[in-house]
């Protein structure tokens, strides 16, 4: 399959000062486009890409770039060439340029037919636009780090780069929307995406709650209504709605949970530590697979914590071909997910997982 974006040309151009989180977001936006058939070029040298220094590694390969740079090529250019000339050396101007705000300044000479999708940490009109920040600090400012954790401990960074990838998905969506809306002969749009805006959007419930309650949500730890508790061979998320309480209570079958006070949600929330402790004591008798089967049978929204290898064997993931094993010599085969997006209900498999090829910049056309 050539893909729905076949024939679309996209360039990634983060400036030398582009924060790592925005580099990852730009790469993820380009990764989705490449997986859907677009021709994606990364301007610059692969050896100078800061992402290459980010752990973990797979043998001699960088794990992040192995996934993010599938189907792309690097286009290096020397100190005597600027980004615009490097882009024009590729032929016609690209349909979309994914860049940060600093890089946008360097692209002033680019043809106005190119859509510019510009990523920044904060809105350009914000007082915080000049502040130094990381993905972690933006998550803290937006309240995302208040969702989980123990109030007696320091905030912990969530696994992976969830906010950066969400920002990349927003950048991809904005770019495709601009492609669909562009008119022949008209100047292309400038699409602006900020990491802070994406973080607030992801945490929209806290914004909604602030409109009716002066008490902000904070990390509740063992006093949270929903928790992750231990079981016989790992951990499971204890999630239940009000209608699920009688089913969970009867399954646990502990007389302490049959106290009249626990029929009231407010009372359960006030004593959530006790409820979780009682449930955990029963769950310790069961494995994750046993609890999963019981949860499905009783229609309880419990969530076992699985490893990546266990997720590969999950029947739902297998039915959807979400993961595939791909050769990456000389290392062992890689477990690679397909794109986390559908196009008109159609899924596109993961591309070949080999390292991206670097190509020298061709001579400018006359």
Foldseek 3Di string as FASTA:
>chain_A
DQAPLAPAEEEEEEDPPRAPLQVLLSLLLVLVSLLRRYAYEYEADPVSDPQQVDDDAFVNGHPSLLRSVPNYAYEYDDPVDAPQLLQLLVPAHGQEYEYEPVVVVSCPVHDLNHAYEYEAADPPPDPCRPPDDHLVVLLVVLCVQFPADAPVDDGDDDPDSVLSNLQSVVSNVQSVVQVVPDDPPDGGYHHYTHSNVSSNVVVVVQVVVVVPDVDGRGHHYLLALWDWADAQPGIKIQDADLVCVVVLCVVLPDVVCVPPQNNDPVSCSRVVNVVRVSSNVSRNHDDPVVVVVVCVVSVGPMGDDDDPVVVCVPPVCVVVVQWDFADEPPGGTDTHGFDPDADVNHTRGRHHSYRHYYDYRHDRDD
